[in-house]
Amino acid sequence: MSQTDVATLTAASADGASLRDWLMLLKPRVIMLVVYTGAIGLWIAPGHLHPLLGVIALLCIAVGAGAAGAMNMWFDRDIDAVMRRTANRSIPAGRIAPEEALAFGVTLAVASVLVLGLATNVAAAAVLAISIAFYVGIYTMWLKRRTPQNIVIGGAAGAFPPLIGWAAVTGGSAVLPILMFAIIFLWTPPHFWSLSLYAHDDYRRAGVPMLPVVRGGRHTRWQILIYTVILVAVSLLPWLLGQTGAIYGGCAAGLGGWFLIDAVRVLRDAQDQTGRSLTRDAPARATFKYSLLYLFLLFGALAIDRMVG
C-alpha cells in the first residue's frame, strides 16, 4: 500500500470519520493489556493449542475488548463530552455517530464470541461473552454512575482475559487462572483510584461518583493502601500454594514491595484540609504509571517461571 493510499484511509472525509477515529473507539491502550494478560493465561495453560488457533484466540480477545470499549464510549458519550481528557473522543467530538458506534461494537462483540467458539471451544467463548456483558452492562450501564464502588466491582470485567486464554487451551479452569483473575481484580482499584485522584475535577464535572469525589482524597488514599496490601498478599498465593516456583515468588515479593512503597507515598502526600494534593498528585501519578509496569512484570514473571519450571 502506497503512502498516498494510507493518507487517504486515515484522513477524515467530509461526511465521515478517519480510520484512526474508528481504531480509537476500540480503546487500543486497554486492548494491549487485555491481550497481554490473556496471552499469559494461554501460554501457561497445560496442554497444546495450534499456534494459528492461539493467534485467533488472542485476536478474538482483542476484538471482544475493543467491542466492549466501543459500546462503553457509545453509552458514556454525554459524560465524555464534559471531561477534558475524553472530550476529543470520536463520538463526543461528532466524528462518529452514536448509532454507528453502537452497531460497530455489537457487530464486533458477536463476531469475536462466535469465532472464538469455532476456533477453540464453547467455554472460552462463554467467558469472553460474559466479560463483554459485564463491562458494558454491569460496569458501564449500572455501576459507573451509581456507586463509588463502581471500579471495585467493575474491575472484574478486566480480569477475565487469563481465564479466557486458559479455557481456550484446556476447555475449563483451574486454581492458577482463578488466582490470576483475583490479582487483576484487586489491582484495578489502586490502579484506577490513583488516576481518579488527579482526574478528580473531571469526574466531579461529569457527575461520576468516583471515590475521591464522593468520599474525598484522604479516604481514597487509605483505600489505595488497603487494596495494595491485599493485592500483594494475594499475588504471593500462586507461589505459596505451589502453583509456581521461586522465580515468580521472588518477583511477586519485590514488585509488591515497591507497590506498597508507592501506596504509602500516596497516603503521605502533602494535602490541604479537604484532602486535595499540594503536589499536583505527583505520587498518585507515579503510582498509576508503576501499576501498569507492575502488572506487566508480574505476569511476565509468571510466564518465565512456568517456562523454566
Protein backbone atom coordinates (compact mmCIF):
# COMPACT_ATOMS: atom_id res chain seq x y z
CA MET A 1 0.00 0.00 0.00
CA SER A 2 1.44 3.39 -1.01
CA GLN A 3 1.80 6.37 1.31
CA THR A 4 -0.95 8.08 -0.68
CA ASP A 5 -3.31 5.17 -0.01
CA VAL A 6 -2.52 5.25 3.72
CA ALA A 7 -3.12 9.00 3.83
CA THR A 8 -6.44 8.52 2.07
CA LEU A 9 -7.54 5.88 4.56
CA THR A 10 -6.56 7.85 7.65
CA ALA A 11 -7.78 11.26 6.53
CA ALA A 12 -11.30 12.12 7.58
CA SER A 13 -13.71 12.63 4.74
CA ALA A 14 -16.24 15.45 4.61
CA ASP A 15 -19.03 13.22 5.86
CA GLY A 16 -17.24 10.50 7.79
CA ALA A 17 -14.60 9.60 10.35
CA SER A 18 -10.99 8.66 9.82
CA LEU A 19 -9.63 5.17 10.26
CA ARG A 20 -7.89 6.43 13.38
CA ASP A 21 -11.24 7.53 14.84
CA TRP A 22 -12.62 4.01 14.47
CA LEU A 23 -9.50 2.45 15.92
CA MET A 24 -9.52 4.80 18.91
CA LEU A 25 -13.12 3.80 19.53
CA LEU A 26 -11.76 0.38 20.49
CA LYS A 27 -9.55 1.79 23.31
CA PRO A 28 -6.28 0.32 21.94
CA ARG A 29 -4.30 1.03 25.12
CA VAL A 30 -6.71 -1.08 27.13
CA ILE A 31 -6.62 -3.79 24.46
CA MET A 32 -2.85 -4.10 24.79
CA LEU A 33 -3.07 -5.00 28.47
CA VAL A 34 -6.06 -7.28 27.93
CA VAL A 35 -4.32 -9.22 25.17
CA TYR A 36 -1.12 -9.47 27.21
CA THR A 37 -2.81 -10.99 30.26
CA GLY A 38 -4.89 -13.25 28.02
CA ALA A 39 -1.73 -14.39 26.23
CA ILE A 40 -0.08 -15.28 29.55
CA GLY A 41 -3.11 -17.35 30.52
CA LEU A 42 -2.96 -19.14 27.17
CA TRP A 43 0.82 -19.65 27.35
CA ILE A 44 0.99 -21.22 30.80
CA ALA A 45 -2.10 -23.43 30.44
CA PRO A 46 -1.36 -27.17 30.33
CA GLY A 47 -2.00 -28.81 27.00
CA HIS A 48 -1.43 -27.76 23.43
CA LEU A 49 -3.16 -25.35 21.08
CA HIS A 50 -2.09 -24.97 17.46
CA PRO A 51 -0.21 -21.67 17.07
CA LEU A 52 -2.65 -20.44 14.45
CA LEU A 53 -5.59 -21.12 16.75
CA GLY A 54 -3.70 -19.36 19.55
CA VAL A 55 -3.31 -16.26 17.41
CA ILE A 56 -7.01 -16.39 16.51
CA ALA A 57 -7.91 -16.72 20.20
CA LEU A 58 -5.85 -13.65 21.10
CA LEU A 59 -7.33 -11.74 18.17
CA CYS A 60 -10.82 -12.59 19.43
CA ILE A 61 -9.90 -11.40 22.92
CA ALA A 62 -8.62 -8.14 21.42
CA VAL A 63 -11.71 -7.65 19.24
CA GLY A 64 -14.04 -8.51 22.13
CA ALA A 65 -12.30 -5.99 24.39
CA GLY A 66 -12.45 -3.39 21.62
CA ALA A 67 -16.14 -4.06 21.13
CA ALA A 68 -16.78 -3.51 24.84
CA GLY A 69 -14.78 -0.27 24.64
CA ALA A 70 -16.84 0.96 21.68
CA MET A 71 -20.12 0.25 23.48
CA ASN A 72 -18.75 1.94 26.60
CA MET A 73 -17.97 5.07 24.58
CA TRP A 74 -21.43 4.96 23.00
CA PHE A 75 -23.13 4.88 26.40
CA ASP A 76 -20.78 7.38 28.08
CA ARG A 77 -20.79 9.93 25.27
CA ASP A 78 -22.59 12.50 27.43
CA ILE A 79 -20.08 12.45 30.28
CA ASP A 80 -17.13 12.09 27.88
CA ALA A 81 -18.16 15.39 26.35
CA VAL A 82 -17.64 17.30 29.63
CA MET A 83 -14.39 15.64 30.72
CA ARG A 84 -11.21 17.24 29.42
CA ARG A 85 -9.33 14.00 28.89
CA THR A 86 -12.19 12.44 26.89
CA ALA A 87 -13.85 15.41 25.17
CA ASN A 88 -11.99 14.78 21.92
CA ARG A 89 -13.09 11.18 21.59
CA SER A 90 -14.73 10.32 18.29
CA ILE A 91 -18.35 10.36 19.46
CA PRO A 92 -18.49 13.50 21.66
CA ALA A 93 -16.39 15.33 19.06
CA GLY A 94 -19.01 14.48 16.43
CA ARG A 95 -16.76 12.44 14.13
CA ILE A 96 -18.70 9.19 14.63
CA ALA A 97 -22.46 9.00 15.11
CA PRO A 98 -23.58 7.24 18.33
CA GLU A 99 -25.74 4.69 16.49
CA GLU A 100 -22.81 3.81 14.20
CA ALA A 101 -20.55 3.25 17.19
CA LEU A 102 -23.12 1.01 18.85
CA ALA A 103 -23.61 -1.06 15.70
CA PHE A 104 -19.85 -1.32 15.31
CA GLY A 105 -19.41 -2.54 18.88
CA VAL A 106 -22.26 -5.06 18.80
CA THR A 107 -21.07 -6.50 15.49
CA LEU A 108 -17.52 -6.94 16.76
CA ALA A 109 -18.73 -8.46 20.04
CA VAL A 110 -20.89 -11.08 18.34
CA ALA A 111 -18.18 -11.88 15.78
CA SER A 112 -15.45 -12.27 18.41
CA VAL A 113 -17.51 -14.68 20.52
CA LEU A 114 -18.61 -16.78 17.55
CA VAL A 115 -15.15 -17.04 16.03
CA LEU A 116 -13.54 -17.90 19.38
CA GLY A 117 -16.11 -20.64 19.94
CA LEU A 118 -15.47 -22.12 16.49
CA ALA A 119 -11.68 -21.82 16.73
CA THR A 120 -11.28 -23.17 20.28
CA ASN A 121 -14.23 -24.22 22.42
CA VAL A 122 -17.53 -23.12 23.91
CA ALA A 123 -16.08 -22.49 27.37
CA ALA A 124 -13.64 -19.84 26.14
CA ALA A 125 -16.35 -18.19 24.03
CA ALA A 126 -18.72 -18.16 27.00
CA VAL A 127 -16.17 -16.45 29.27
CA LEU A 128 -15.47 -13.86 26.56
CA ALA A 129 -19.20 -13.18 26.22
CA ILE A 130 -19.54 -12.82 29.99
CA SER A 131 -16.61 -10.39 30.14
CA ILE A 132 -18.12 -8.17 27.43
CA ALA A 133 -21.55 -8.25 29.05
CA PHE A 134 -20.06 -7.49 32.46
CA TYR A 135 -18.11 -4.49 31.25
CA VAL A 136 -20.95 -3.00 29.24
CA GLY A 137 -23.98 -4.00 31.30
CA ILE A 138 -22.74 -4.21 34.88
CA TYR A 139 -19.94 -1.64 34.97
CA THR A 140 -20.80 0.92 32.28
CA MET A 141 -24.60 0.98 32.44
CA TRP A 142 -25.25 0.10 36.07
CA LEU A 143 -22.35 0.76 38.44
CA LYS A 144 -20.30 3.61 37.00
CA ARG A 145 -22.87 6.35 37.60
CA ARG A 146 -24.42 4.94 40.76
CA THR A 147 -21.77 4.00 43.30
CA PRO A 148 -18.21 4.92 44.32
CA GLN A 149 -17.56 1.16 44.39
CA ASN A 150 -18.00 1.12 40.61
CA ILE A 151 -14.37 0.33 39.88
CA VAL A 152 -14.15 -2.31 42.62
CA ILE A 153 -16.96 -4.48 41.28
CA GLY A 154 -16.49 -3.41 37.68
CA GLY A 155 -12.83 -4.35 37.86
CA ALA A 156 -13.87 -7.95 37.32
CA ALA A 157 -14.50 -7.13 33.66
CA GLY A 158 -10.80 -6.59 33.01
CA ALA A 159 -9.80 -9.68 34.99
CA PHE A 160 -11.34 -12.25 32.63
CA PRO A 161 -8.63 -12.48 29.89
CA PRO A 162 -6.38 -15.00 31.70
CA LEU A 163 -9.43 -17.22 32.21
CA ILE A 164 -10.27 -16.91 28.51
CA GLY A 165 -6.74 -17.78 27.42
CA TRP A 166 -6.57 -20.75 29.79
CA ALA A 167 -10.01 -22.00 28.71
CA ALA A 168 -9.04 -21.71 25.03
CA VAL A 169 -6.37 -24.37 25.65
CA THR A 170 -7.99 -26.57 28.28
CA GLY A 171 -11.72 -26.04 27.87
CA GLY A 172 -12.02 -25.29 31.59
CA SER A 173 -10.40 -23.53 34.52
CA ALA A 174 -8.12 -24.26 37.49
CA VAL A 175 -6.64 -22.68 40.62
CA LEU A 176 -3.91 -20.70 38.85
CA PRO A 177 -6.09 -18.81 36.33
CA ILE A 178 -8.55 -18.03 39.13
CA LEU A 179 -5.69 -16.53 41.14
CA MET A 180 -4.65 -14.53 38.06
CA PHE A 181 -8.24 -13.25 37.87
CA ALA A 182 -8.07 -12.28 41.55
CA ILE A 183 -4.78 -10.43 41.08
CA ILE A 184 -6.14 -8.26 38.27
CA PHE A 185 -9.40 -7.74 40.18
CA LEU A 186 -7.53 -6.45 43.24
CA TRP A 187 -5.02 -4.49 41.13
CA THR A 188 -7.75 -2.43 39.46
CA PRO A 189 -8.83 -0.24 42.45
CA PRO A 190 -5.38 1.11 43.40
CA HIS A 191 -4.54 1.49 39.71
CA PHE A 192 -7.71 3.40 38.83
CA TRP A 193 -8.08 5.34 42.08
CA SER A 194 -4.56 6.71 41.57
CA LEU A 195 -5.79 8.08 38.25
CA SER A 196 -9.01 9.39 39.75
CA LEU A 197 -7.09 11.38 42.38
CA TYR A 198 -5.56 13.66 39.76
CA ALA A 199 -8.58 13.45 37.43
CA HIS A 200 -10.87 14.43 40.34
CA ASP A 201 -12.19 17.60 38.71
CA ASP A 202 -13.10 15.80 35.50
CA TYR A 203 -15.19 13.21 37.35
CA ARG A 204 -16.82 15.85 39.54
CA ARG A 205 -17.75 17.91 36.49
CA ALA A 206 -19.23 14.85 34.78
CA GLY A 207 -21.15 13.77 37.89
CA VAL A 208 -19.41 10.39 38.09
CA PRO A 209 -19.30 9.22 41.75
CA MET A 210 -15.67 8.17 41.79
CA LEU A 211 -14.30 7.63 45.28
CA PRO A 212 -12.33 10.93 45.53
CA VAL A 213 -15.45 12.86 44.52
CA VAL A 214 -17.77 11.13 46.97
CA ARG A 215 -15.52 10.34 49.94
CA GLY A 216 -12.60 12.71 49.42
CA GLY A 217 -8.88 12.42 48.84
CA ARG A 218 -7.86 11.13 52.29
CA HIS A 219 -10.31 8.24 52.23
CA THR A 220 -9.25 7.34 48.70
CA ARG A 221 -5.58 7.30 49.68
CA TRP A 222 -6.29 4.93 52.55
CA GLN A 223 -8.29 2.68 50.24
CA ILE A 224 -5.39 2.60 47.76
CA LEU A 225 -3.07 1.43 50.54
CA ILE A 226 -5.54 -1.17 51.87
CA TYR A 227 -6.20 -2.69 48.45
CA THR A 228 -2.48 -2.69 47.66
CA VAL A 229 -1.75 -4.66 50.84
CA ILE A 230 -4.43 -7.21 49.91
CA LEU A 231 -3.17 -7.33 46.31
CA VAL A 232 0.40 -8.06 47.38
CA ALA A 233 -0.77 -10.82 49.74
CA VAL A 234 -2.90 -12.47 47.03
CA SER A 235 -0.11 -12.11 44.45
CA LEU A 236 2.03 -14.40 46.63
CA LEU A 237 -0.61 -17.16 46.74
CA PRO A 238 0.39 -18.81 43.44
CA TRP A 239 3.82 -19.43 44.99
CA LEU A 240 2.58 -20.26 48.50
CA LEU A 241 0.08 -22.76 47.09
CA GLY A 242 2.72 -24.46 44.97
CA GLN A 243 1.30 -23.31 41.66
CA THR A 244 4.56 -21.56 40.71
CA GLY A 245 8.21 -21.64 41.66
CA ALA A 246 10.69 -19.32 43.35
CA ILE A 247 11.19 -17.10 40.30
CA TYR A 248 7.60 -15.92 40.44
CA GLY A 249 7.58 -15.80 44.25
CA GLY A 250 10.65 -13.56 44.39
CA CYS A 251 9.37 -11.25 41.67
CA ALA A 252 5.94 -11.00 43.30
CA ALA A 253 7.52 -10.05 46.62
CA GLY A 254 9.87 -7.47 45.11
CA LEU A 255 7.32 -5.88 42.78
CA GLY A 256 4.69 -5.89 45.52
CA GLY A 257 7.08 -4.28 47.98
CA TRP A 258 7.67 -1.38 45.61
CA PHE A 259 3.92 -1.04 45.02
CA LEU A 260 3.42 -0.77 48.78
CA ILE A 261 6.07 1.95 48.98
CA ASP A 262 4.26 3.89 46.27
CA ALA A 263 0.93 3.47 48.06
CA VAL A 264 2.44 4.82 51.27
CA ARG A 265 3.80 7.81 49.33
CA VAL A 266 0.31 8.49 48.00
CA LEU A 267 -1.07 8.34 51.55
CA ARG A 268 1.60 10.70 52.89
CA ASP A 269 1.33 13.19 50.02
CA ALA A 270 1.02 16.77 51.29
CA GLN A 271 -2.68 17.70 51.36
CA ASP A 272 -4.87 20.62 52.26
CA GLN A 273 -7.78 20.43 54.71
CA THR A 274 -10.06 18.92 52.06
CA GLY A 275 -7.62 16.15 51.19
CA ARG A 276 -6.53 17.69 47.89
CA SER A 277 -2.87 17.24 46.99
CA LEU A 278 -0.48 20.17 47.30
CA THR A 279 1.95 18.50 44.87
CA ARG A 280 -0.47 18.15 41.93
CA ASP A 281 -0.80 14.48 42.93
CA ALA A 282 2.74 13.63 41.89
CA PRO A 283 2.81 10.41 43.99
CA ALA A 284 -0.56 9.31 42.56
CA ARG A 285 0.65 9.91 39.01
CA ALA A 286 3.78 7.88 39.71
CA THR A 287 1.75 5.08 41.28
CA PHE A 288 -0.61 4.95 38.31
CA LYS A 289 2.34 4.53 35.94
CA TYR A 290 4.05 1.97 38.13
CA SER A 291 0.86 -0.07 38.48
CA LEU A 292 0.94 -0.71 34.74
CA LEU A 293 4.56 -1.81 34.89
CA TYR A 294 3.79 -3.93 37.97
CA LEU A 295 1.12 -6.00 36.24
CA PHE A 296 3.23 -6.39 33.10
CA LEU A 297 6.28 -7.62 35.03
CA LEU A 298 4.28 -9.79 37.45
CA PHE A 299 2.57 -11.72 34.67
CA GLY A 300 5.83 -11.85 32.74
CA ALA A 301 7.48 -13.46 35.79
CA LEU A 302 4.63 -15.97 35.88
CA ALA A 303 5.29 -16.97 32.28
CA ILE A 304 9.07 -17.21 32.79
CA ASP A 305 8.60 -19.25 35.96
CA ARG A 306 6.34 -21.70 34.17
CA MET A 307 8.69 -21.91 31.19
CA VAL A 308 11.75 -22.57 33.36
CA GLY A 309 9.88 -24.92 35.67
